[in-house]
Amino acid sequence: MLRRLKVSLFSDDSTTPYNTSPDIEVRMSGSNVLVSIKCQNNISSLKKAIDHMEKLGLSIISCSSMPFAKTTLLIGITAQGLAKLLLLQVL
């Protein structure tokens, strides 16, 4: 199952959304989840993504990130757990 979505992230110290919303692609197979994120390149983007997935009850198997240009960060996360929780959060 392939699910694409757009979300607005808010910084911890403000209610103003970032200039660009991240592009998030989620692929699920059984209890395996692959998340690809293209977002604004800042220090906390990767940590926020991992923290959010762990709050959903997913166990992180692997994680990688790569800066693209000066303003974009590409993040890939593989996790296992209750993929239904992830679907409930994005619907």
PDB file of N, CA and C in Angstrom:
ATOM      1  N   MET A   1       0.848  -1.170   0.000  1.00  0.00           N
ATOM      2  CA  MET A   1       0.000   0.000   0.000  1.00  0.00           C
ATOM      3  C   MET A   1       0.892   1.231   0.000  1.00  0.00           C
ATOM      4  N   LEU A   2       0.617   2.166  -0.861  1.00  0.00           N
ATOM      5  CA  LEU A   2       1.376   3.406  -0.953  1.00  0.00           C
ATOM      6  C   LEU A   2       0.477   4.554  -0.548  1.00  0.00           C
ATOM      7  N   ARG A   3       0.966   5.398   0.329  1.00  0.00           N
ATOM      8  CA  ARG A   3       0.167   6.522   0.813  1.00  0.00           C
ATOM      9  C   ARG A   3       1.025   7.775   0.766  1.00  0.00           C
ATOM     10  N   ARG A   4       0.572   8.811   0.083  1.00  0.00           N
ATOM     11  CA  ARG A   4       1.268  10.092   0.040  1.00  0.00           C
ATOM     12  C   ARG A   4       0.431  11.125   0.765  1.00  0.00           C
ATOM     13  N   LEU A   5       1.094  12.021   1.465  1.00  0.00           N
ATOM     14  CA  LEU A   5       0.367  13.060   2.158  1.00  0.00           C
ATOM     15  C   LEU A   5       1.216  14.300   2.286  1.00  0.00           C
ATOM     16  N   LYS A   6       0.567  15.412   2.513  1.00  0.00           N
ATOM     17  CA  LYS A   6       1.233  16.679   2.783  1.00  0.00           C
ATOM     18  C   LYS A   6       0.781  17.140   4.159  1.00  0.00           C
ATOM     19  N   VAL A   7       1.721  17.578   4.970  1.00  0.00           N
ATOM     20  CA  VAL A   7       1.383  18.080   6.293  1.00  0.00           C
ATOM     21  C   VAL A   7       2.123  19.378   6.539  1.00  0.00           C
ATOM     22  N   SER A   8       1.622  20.176   7.466  1.00  0.00           N
ATOM     23  CA  SER A   8       2.337  21.371   7.911  1.00  0.00           C
ATOM     24  C   SER A   8       2.919  21.083   9.276  1.00  0.00           C
ATOM     25  N   LEU A   9       4.199  21.338   9.436  1.00  0.00           N
ATOM     26  CA  LEU A   9       4.848  21.151  10.723  1.00  0.00           C
ATOM     27  C   LEU A   9       4.971  22.495  11.407  1.00  0.00           C
ATOM     28  N   PHE A  10       4.794  22.507  12.703  1.00  0.00           N
ATOM     29  CA  PHE A  10       4.937  23.722  13.476  1.00  0.00           C
ATOM     30  C   PHE A  10       6.161  23.584  14.363  1.00  0.00           C
ATOM     31  N   SER A  11       6.934  24.643  14.473  1.00  0.00           N
ATOM     32  CA  SER A  11       8.107  24.601  15.334  1.00  0.00           C
ATOM     33  C   SER A  11       7.654  24.553  16.785  1.00  0.00           C
ATOM     34  N   ASP A  12       8.532  24.094  17.668  1.00  0.00           N
ATOM     35  CA  ASP A  12       8.188  23.952  19.083  1.00  0.00           C
ATOM     36  C   ASP A  12       7.916  25.287  19.759  1.00  0.00           C
ATOM     37  N   ASP A  13       8.580  26.351  19.304  1.00  0.00           N
ATOM     38  CA  ASP A  13       8.471  27.629  19.987  1.00  0.00           C
ATOM     39  C   ASP A  13       7.564  28.624  19.278  1.00  0.00           C
ATOM     40  N   SER A  14       6.807  28.178  18.274  1.00  0.00           N
ATOM     41  CA  SER A  14       5.977  29.102  17.515  1.00  0.00           C
ATOM     42  C   SER A  14       4.803  28.357  16.898  1.00  0.00           C
ATOM     43  N   THR A  15       3.750  29.082  16.577  1.00  0.00           N
ATOM     44  CA  THR A  15       2.623  28.472  15.878  1.00  0.00           C
ATOM     45  C   THR A  15       2.686  28.764  14.391  1.00  0.00           C
ATOM     46  N   THR A  16       3.799  29.296  13.926  1.00  0.00           N
ATOM     47  CA  THR A  16       3.971  29.598  12.514  1.00  0.00           C
ATOM     48  C   THR A  16       4.530  28.386  11.791  1.00  0.00           C
ATOM     49  N   PRO A  17       3.869  27.928  10.706  1.00  0.00           N
ATOM     50  CA  PRO A  17       4.402  26.777   9.986  1.00  0.00           C
ATOM     51  C   PRO A  17       5.695  27.133   9.268  1.00  0.00           C
ATOM     52  N   TYR A  18       6.504  26.109   9.003  1.00  0.00           N
ATOM     53  CA  TYR A  18       7.713  26.316   8.215  1.00  0.00           C
ATOM     54  C   TYR A  18       7.320  26.855   6.849  1.00  0.00           C
ATOM     55  N   ASN A  19       8.282  27.424   6.143  1.00  0.00           N
ATOM     56  CA  ASN A  19       8.015  28.004   4.833  1.00  0.00           C
ATOM     57  C   ASN A  19       7.489  26.971   3.845  1.00  0.00           C
ATOM     58  N   THR A  20       7.959  25.744   3.931  1.00  0.00           N
ATOM     59  CA  THR A  20       7.490  24.697   3.033  1.00  0.00           C
ATOM     60  C   THR A  20       7.069  23.487   3.849  1.00  0.00           C
ATOM     61  N   SER A  21       6.001  22.857   3.420  1.00  0.00           N
ATOM     62  CA  SER A  21       5.550  21.640   4.083  1.00  0.00           C
ATOM     63  C   SER A  21       6.379  20.472   3.581  1.00  0.00           C
ATOM     64  N   PRO A  22       6.667  19.512   4.450  1.00  0.00           N
ATOM     65  CA  PRO A  22       7.447  18.354   4.002  1.00  0.00           C
ATOM     66  C   PRO A  22       6.624  17.471   3.071  1.00  0.00           C
ATOM     67  N   ASP A  23       7.303  16.806   2.168  1.00  0.00           N
ATOM     68  CA  ASP A  23       6.680  15.819   1.293  1.00  0.00           C
ATOM     69  C   ASP A  23       6.966  14.468   1.926  1.00  0.00           C
ATOM     70  N   ILE A  24       5.917  13.742   2.329  1.00  0.00           N
ATOM     71  CA  ILE A  24       6.077  12.480   3.048  1.00  0.00           C
ATOM     72  C   ILE A  24       5.434  11.364   2.248  1.00  0.00           C
ATOM     73  N   GLU A  25       6.187  10.283   2.048  1.00  0.00           N
ATOM     74  CA  GLU A  25       5.672   9.106   1.359  1.00  0.00           C
ATOM     75  C   GLU A  25       5.810   7.923   2.310  1.00  0.00           C
ATOM     76  N   VAL A  26       4.717   7.187   2.506  1.00  0.00           N
ATOM     77  CA  VAL A  26       4.708   6.051   3.422  1.00  0.00           C
ATOM     78  C   VAL A  26       4.343   4.802   2.635  1.00  0.00           C
ATOM     79  N   ARG A  27       5.140   3.763   2.802  1.00  0.00           N
ATOM     80  CA  ARG A  27       4.841   2.458   2.202  1.00  0.00           C
ATOM     81  C   ARG A  27       4.760   1.438   3.323  1.00  0.00           C
ATOM     82  N   MET A  28       3.726   0.594   3.269  1.00  0.00           N
ATOM     83  CA  MET A  28       3.531  -0.399   4.314  1.00  0.00           C
ATOM     84  C   MET A  28       3.364  -1.785   3.716  1.00  0.00           C
ATOM     85  N   SER A  29       3.930  -2.768   4.397  1.00  0.00           N
ATOM     86  CA  SER A  29       3.767  -4.167   4.042  1.00  0.00           C
ATOM     87  C   SER A  29       3.726  -4.949   5.345  1.00  0.00           C
ATOM     88  N   GLY A  30       2.552  -5.425   5.710  1.00  0.00           N
ATOM     89  CA  GLY A  30       2.406  -6.098   6.995  1.00  0.00           C
ATOM     90  C   GLY A  30       2.728  -5.143   8.120  1.00  0.00           C
ATOM     91  N   SER A  31       3.689  -5.513   8.957  1.00  0.00           N
ATOM     92  CA  SER A  31       4.074  -4.633  10.063  1.00  0.00           C
ATOM     93  C   SER A  31       5.305  -3.790   9.724  1.00  0.00           C
ATOM     94  N   ASN A  32       5.778  -3.863   8.469  1.00  0.00           N
ATOM     95  CA  ASN A  32       6.935  -3.074   8.040  1.00  0.00           C
ATOM     96  C   ASN A  32       6.477  -1.752   7.441  1.00  0.00           C
ATOM     97  N   VAL A  33       7.186  -0.685   7.780  1.00  0.00           N
ATOM     98  CA  VAL A  33       6.842   0.656   7.309  1.00  0.00           C
ATOM     99  C   VAL A  33       8.104   1.314   6.763  1.00  0.00           C
ATOM    100  N   LEU A  34       8.009   1.873   5.554  1.00  0.00           N
ATOM    101  CA  LEU A  34       9.100   2.645   4.962  1.00  0.00           C
ATOM    102  C   LEU A  34       8.601   4.068   4.779  1.00  0.00           C
ATOM    103  N   VAL A  35       9.286   5.028   5.386  1.00  0.00           N
ATOM    104  CA  VAL A  35       8.891   6.431   5.308  1.00  0.00           C
ATOM    105  C   VAL A  35      10.002   7.212   4.619  1.00  0.00           C
ATOM    106  N   SER A  36       9.629   7.962   3.585  1.00  0.00           N
ATOM    107  CA  SER A  36      10.560   8.852   2.888  1.00  0.00           C
ATOM    108  C   SER A  36      10.062  10.277   3.094  1.00  0.00           C
ATOM    109  N   ILE A  37      10.947  11.142   3.565  1.00  0.00           N
ATOM    110  CA  ILE A  37      10.571  12.521   3.869  1.00  0.00           C
ATOM    111  C   ILE A  37      11.530  13.469   3.160  1.00  0.00           C
ATOM    112  N   LYS A  38      10.973  14.461   2.494  1.00  0.00           N
ATOM    113  CA  LYS A  38      11.758  15.547   1.902  1.00  0.00           C
ATOM    114  C   LYS A  38      11.301  16.806   2.625  1.00  0.00           C
ATOM    115  N   CYS A  39      12.206  17.421   3.393  1.00  0.00           N
ATOM    116  CA  CYS A  39      11.796  18.534   4.240  1.00  0.00           C
ATOM    117  C   CYS A  39      12.872  19.614   4.284  1.00  0.00           C
ATOM    118  N   GLN A  40      12.570  20.665   5.033  1.00  0.00           N
ATOM    119  CA  GLN A  40      13.507  21.763   5.237  1.00  0.00           C
ATOM    120  C   GLN A  40      14.710  21.245   6.014  1.00  0.00           C
ATOM    121  N   ASN A  41      15.902  21.618   5.580  1.00  0.00           N
ATOM    122  CA  ASN A  41      17.128  21.155   6.222  1.00  0.00           C
ATOM    123  C   ASN A  41      17.399  21.989   7.471  1.00  0.00           C
ATOM    124  N   ASN A  42      17.108  21.403   8.630  1.00  0.00           N
ATOM    125  CA  ASN A  42      17.486  22.038   9.887  1.00  0.00           C
ATOM    126  C   ASN A  42      17.890  20.956  10.873  1.00  0.00           C
ATOM    127  N   ILE A  43      18.474  21.355  11.959  1.00  0.00           N
ATOM    128  CA  ILE A  43      19.078  20.425  12.909  1.00  0.00           C
ATOM    129  C   ILE A  43      18.071  19.438  13.490  1.00  0.00           C
ATOM    130  N   SER A  44      16.845  19.859  13.721  1.00  0.00           N
ATOM    131  CA  SER A  44      15.897  19.017  14.451  1.00  0.00           C
ATOM    132  C   SER A  44      14.964  18.184  13.567  1.00  0.00           C
ATOM    133  N   SER A  45      15.009  18.311  12.252  1.00  0.00           N
ATOM    134  CA  SER A  45      14.068  17.593  11.381  1.00  0.00           C
ATOM    135  C   SER A  45      14.142  16.081  11.557  1.00  0.00           C
ATOM    136  N   LEU A  46      15.336  15.518  11.545  1.00  0.00           N
ATOM    137  CA  LEU A  46      15.503  14.070  11.679  1.00  0.00           C
ATOM    138  C   LEU A  46      15.043  13.594  13.051  1.00  0.00           C
ATOM    139  N   LYS A  47      15.431  14.295  14.097  1.00  0.00           N
ATOM    140  CA  LYS A  47      15.033  13.904  15.451  1.00  0.00           C
ATOM    141  C   LYS A  47      13.517  13.955  15.619  1.00  0.00           C
ATOM    142  N   LYS A  48      12.870  14.992  15.087  1.00  0.00           N
ATOM    143  CA  LYS A  48      11.416  15.109  15.186  1.00  0.00           C
ATOM    144  C   LYS A  48      10.723  13.954  14.464  1.00  0.00           C
ATOM    145  N   ALA A  49      11.237  13.571  13.293  1.00  0.00           N
ATOM    146  CA  ALA A  49      10.635  12.472  12.531  1.00  0.00           C
ATOM    147  C   ALA A  49      10.735  11.159  13.304  1.00  0.00           C
ATOM    148  N   ILE A  50      11.910  10.872  13.858  1.00  0.00           N
ATOM    149  CA  ILE A  50      12.104   9.633  14.626  1.00  0.00           C
ATOM    150  C   ILE A  50      11.248   9.643  15.885  1.00  0.00           C
ATOM    151  N   ASP A  51      11.236  10.755  16.609  1.00  0.00           N
ATOM    152  CA  ASP A  51      10.424  10.854  17.827  1.00  0.00           C
ATOM    153  C   ASP A  51       8.946  10.622  17.533  1.00  0.00           C
ATOM    154  N   HIS A  52       8.453  11.194  16.436  1.00  0.00           N
ATOM    155  CA  HIS A  52       7.041  11.040  16.090  1.00  0.00           C
ATOM    156  C   HIS A  52       6.711   9.582  15.774  1.00  0.00           C
ATOM    157  N   MET A  53       7.588   8.905  15.047  1.00  0.00           N
ATOM    158  CA  MET A  53       7.340   7.498  14.715  1.00  0.00           C
ATOM    159  C   MET A  53       7.359   6.624  15.966  1.00  0.00           C
ATOM    160  N   GLU A  54       8.264   6.907  16.895  1.00  0.00           N
ATOM    161  CA  GLU A  54       8.309   6.136  18.138  1.00  0.00           C
ATOM    162  C   GLU A  54       7.059   6.376  18.979  1.00  0.00           C
ATOM    163  N   LYS A  55       6.522   7.601  18.957  1.00  0.00           N
ATOM    164  CA  LYS A  55       5.275   7.891  19.673  1.00  0.00           C
ATOM    165  C   LYS A  55       4.104   7.109  19.089  1.00  0.00           C
ATOM    166  N   LEU A  56       4.196   6.754  17.803  1.00  0.00           N
ATOM    167  CA  LEU A  56       3.151   5.962  17.154  1.00  0.00           C
ATOM    168  C   LEU A  56       3.290   4.470  17.444  1.00  0.00           C
ATOM    169  N   GLY A  57       4.303   4.093  18.219  1.00  0.00           N
ATOM    170  CA  GLY A  57       4.492   2.692  18.572  1.00  0.00           C
ATOM    171  C   GLY A  57       5.314   1.916  17.564  1.00  0.00           C
ATOM    172  N   LEU A  58       6.056   2.614  16.712  1.00  0.00           N
ATOM    173  CA  LEU A  58       6.889   1.952  15.714  1.00  0.00           C
ATOM    174  C   LEU A  58       8.324   1.846  16.221  1.00  0.00           C
ATOM    175  N   SER A  59       8.968   0.710  15.962  1.00  0.00           N
ATOM    176  CA  SER A  59      10.376   0.513  16.320  1.00  0.00           C
ATOM    177  C   SER A  59      11.228   0.816  15.097  1.00  0.00           C
ATOM    178  N   ILE A  60      12.178   1.722  15.239  1.00  0.00           N
ATOM    179  CA  ILE A  60      13.042   2.117  14.131  1.00  0.00           C
ATOM    180  C   ILE A  60      14.051   1.004  13.857  1.00  0.00           C
ATOM    181  N   ILE A  61      14.090   0.527  12.610  1.00  0.00           N
ATOM    182  CA  ILE A  61      15.044  -0.503  12.191  1.00  0.00           C
ATOM    183  C   ILE A  61      16.292   0.162  11.619  1.00  0.00           C
ATOM    184  N   SER A  62      16.090   1.126  10.731  1.00  0.00           N
ATOM    185  CA  SER A  62      17.218   1.871  10.168  1.00  0.00           C
ATOM    186  C   SER A  62      16.750   3.267   9.788  1.00  0.00           C
ATOM    187  N   CYS A  63      17.729   4.165   9.699  1.00  0.00           N
ATOM    188  CA  CYS A  63      17.420   5.554   9.394  1.00  0.00           C
ATOM    189  C   CYS A  63      18.609   6.159   8.656  1.00  0.00           C
ATOM    190  N   SER A  64      18.321   6.947   7.634  1.00  0.00           N
ATOM    191  CA  SER A  64      19.394   7.644   6.931  1.00  0.00           C
ATOM    192  C   SER A  64      18.897   9.025   6.523  1.00  0.00           C
ATOM    193  N   SER A  65      19.841   9.940   6.379  1.00  0.00           N
ATOM    194  CA  SER A  65      19.490  11.281   5.925  1.00  0.00           C
ATOM    195  C   SER A  65      20.597  11.798   5.023  1.00  0.00           C
ATOM    196  N   MET A  66      20.206  12.675   4.107  1.00  0.00           N
ATOM    197  CA  MET A  66      21.171  13.246   3.181  1.00  0.00           C
ATOM    198  C   MET A  66      20.735  14.667   2.844  1.00  0.00           C
ATOM    199  N   PRO A  67      21.617  15.645   3.063  1.00  0.00           N
ATOM    200  CA  PRO A  67      21.271  17.002   2.649  1.00  0.00           C
ATOM    201  C   PRO A  67      21.245  17.084   1.125  1.00  0.00           C
ATOM    202  N   PHE A  68      20.288  17.832   0.611  1.00  0.00           N
ATOM    203  CA  PHE A  68      20.155  18.021  -0.830  1.00  0.00           C
ATOM    204  C   PHE A  68      20.061  19.518  -1.062  1.00  0.00           C
ATOM    205  N   ALA A  69      21.004  20.054  -1.782  1.00  0.00           N
ATOM    206  CA  ALA A  69      21.154  21.501  -1.922  1.00  0.00           C
ATOM    207  C   ALA A  69      21.423  22.073  -0.527  1.00  0.00           C
ATOM    208  N   LYS A  70      21.153  23.327  -0.308  1.00  0.00           N
ATOM    209  CA  LYS A  70      21.419  23.917   1.008  1.00  0.00           C
ATOM    210  C   LYS A  70      20.196  23.948   1.903  1.00  0.00           C
ATOM    211  N   THR A  71      19.016  23.759   1.328  1.00  0.00           N
ATOM    212  CA  THR A  71      17.797  23.958   2.112  1.00  0.00           C
ATOM    213  C   THR A  71      16.956  22.706   2.307  1.00  0.00           C
ATOM    214  N   THR A  72      17.308  21.595   1.683  1.00  0.00           N
ATOM    215  CA  THR A  72      16.462  20.404   1.717  1.00  0.00           C
ATOM    216  C   THR A  72      17.187  19.241   2.379  1.00  0.00           C
ATOM    217  N   LEU A  73      16.437  18.441   3.129  1.00  0.00           N
ATOM    218  CA  LEU A  73      16.958  17.236   3.757  1.00  0.00           C
ATOM    219  C   LEU A  73      16.098  16.061   3.308  1.00  0.00           C
ATOM    220  N   LEU A  74      16.741  14.996   2.825  1.00  0.00           N
ATOM    221  CA  LEU A  74      16.043  13.770   2.448  1.00  0.00           C
ATOM    222  C   LEU A  74      16.250  12.764   3.571  1.00  0.00           C
ATOM    223  N   ILE A  75      15.146  12.220   4.102  1.00  0.00           N
ATOM    224  CA  ILE A  75      15.199  11.280   5.221  1.00  0.00           C
ATOM    225  C   ILE A  75      14.524   9.984   4.802  1.00  0.00           C
ATOM    226  N   GLY A  76      15.160   8.860   5.099  1.00  0.00           N
ATOM    227  CA  GLY A  76      14.572   7.542   4.871  1.00  0.00           C
ATOM    228  C   GLY A  76      14.562   6.772   6.178  1.00  0.00           C
ATOM    229  N   ILE A  77      13.392   6.280   6.584  1.00  0.00           N
ATOM    230  CA  ILE A  77      13.267   5.550   7.847  1.00  0.00           C
ATOM    231  C   ILE A  77      12.535   4.238   7.590  1.00  0.00           C
ATOM    232  N   THR A  78      13.124   3.137   8.061  1.00  0.00           N
ATOM    233  CA  THR A  78      12.476   1.834   8.022  1.00  0.00           C
ATOM    234  C   THR A  78      12.115   1.466   9.451  1.00  0.00           C
ATOM    235  N   ALA A  79      10.864   1.037   9.656  1.00  0.00           N
ATOM    236  CA  ALA A  79      10.403   0.724  11.007  1.00  0.00           C
ATOM    237  C   ALA A  79       9.485  -0.490  10.976  1.00  0.00           C
ATOM    238  N   GLN A  80       9.247  -1.050  12.153  1.00  0.00           N
ATOM    239  CA  GLN A  80       8.300  -2.146  12.317  1.00  0.00           C
ATOM    240  C   GLN A  80       7.375  -1.803  13.466  1.00  0.00           C
ATOM    241  N   GLY A  81       6.171  -2.314  13.378  1.00  0.00           N
ATOM    242  CA  GLY A  81       5.218  -2.091  14.459  1.00  0.00           C
ATOM    243  C   GLY A  81       3.810  -2.089  13.932  1.00  0.00           C
ATOM    244  N   LEU A  82       2.955  -1.437  14.659  1.00  0.00           N
ATOM    245  CA  LEU A  82       1.552  -1.391  14.295  1.00  0.00           C
ATOM    246  C   LEU A  82       1.327  -0.305  13.260  1.00  0.00           C
ATOM    247  N   ALA A  83       1.385  -0.691  11.993  1.00  0.00           N
ATOM    248  CA  ALA A  83       1.218   0.271  10.899  1.00  0.00           C
ATOM    249  C   ALA A  83      -0.158   0.917  10.925  1.00  0.00           C
ATOM    250  N   LYS A  84      -1.144   0.271  11.547  1.00  0.00           N
ATOM    251  CA  LYS A  84      -2.486   0.848  11.636  1.00  0.00           C
ATOM    252  C   LYS A  84      -2.458   2.168  12.391  1.00  0.00           C
ATOM    253  N   LEU A  85      -1.588   2.276  13.391  1.00  0.00           N
ATOM    254  CA  LEU A  85      -1.473   3.530  14.132  1.00  0.00           C
ATOM    255  C   LEU A  85      -1.039   4.664  13.220  1.00  0.00           C
ATOM    256  N   LEU A  86      -0.118   4.378  12.321  1.00  0.00           N
ATOM    257  CA  LEU A  86       0.358   5.395  11.389  1.00  0.00           C
ATOM    258  C   LEU A  86      -0.769   5.843  10.475  1.00  0.00           C
ATOM    259  N   LEU A  87      -1.550   4.900   9.977  1.00  0.00           N
ATOM    260  CA  LEU A  87      -2.672   5.254   9.107  1.00  0.00           C
ATOM    261  C   LEU A  87      -3.689   6.114   9.831  1.00  0.00           C
ATOM    262  N   LEU A  88      -3.982   5.810  11.077  1.00  0.00           N
ATOM    263  CA  LEU A  88      -4.957   6.589  11.833  1.00  0.00           C
ATOM    264  C   LEU A  88      -4.502   8.025  12.013  1.00  0.00           C
ATOM    265  N   GLN A  89      -3.195   8.252  12.141  1.00  0.00           N
ATOM    266  CA  GLN A  89      -2.672   9.595  12.339  1.00  0.00           C
ATOM    267  C   GLN A  89      -2.755  10.444  11.082  1.00  0.00           C
ATOM    268  N   VAL A  90      -2.677   9.833   9.886  1.00  0.00           N
ATOM    269  CA  VAL A  90      -2.630  10.615   8.660  1.00  0.00           C
ATOM    270  C   VAL A  90      -3.972  10.725   7.959  1.00  0.00           C
ATOM    271  N   LEU A  91      -4.971   9.979   8.389  1.00  0.00           N
ATOM    272  CA  LEU A  91      -6.290  10.061   7.748  1.00  0.00           C
ATOM    273  C   LEU A  91      -7.083  11.231   8.261  1.00  0.00           C
TER     274      LEU A  91
END
